[in-house]
Amino acid sequence: MGDDLPTMALSIKQPWAWLIVAGHKDVENRTWFTNYRGPVLIHAGKRFDFDPYQQWAWPEIERPAAFDLGGIVGRADIIDCCRDCLSPWFDGPYGFRLDNMRPLPFRPCPGKLGFFRPDFSPPSTSPKPRPAPARADKPQGKLF
């Protein structure tokens, strides 16, 4: 990653991370407040939030065929932290308002809770994108 990229990252489960970097989701919901304002790398966690994906309540947004997991997928600017955002994506109790969201080439790295500095040391194995499940799939055992 280039020197002009943010040094801080925030880990977010898929499909939420993809919805952010694709420019659809402009608020990241959290249980905690932050004073931080500025650029942040968007890290897709290794876990997938299956329920919103299964229901896919956004018919105007075409779902991707696969989601990267376990690494940096994009960047955004945190412009505010609100308790009552007007965005339809806000679910509270706190919302990190985002702007300038965009994807970046996938770069594997471990995630952490809260804001963190990504470690881009070579991993022992590189995570691969996982195919998106069909809408009618029911989870049985492992999701992917």
Foldseek 3Di string as FASTA:
>chain_A
DDPPADQKAAEDEPPVLVCQQVPNDFKDADADDDPDWFKHFYAHAQDHPVVCLLVVPPVVDDDDFWDDHAWTFWMWTQHHKDCDDPDPNDDYNIIRGTDPRHTDPTQHFHDDHDMDGTDRDDDPDGDDIDGRDDSPDDDDPDPD
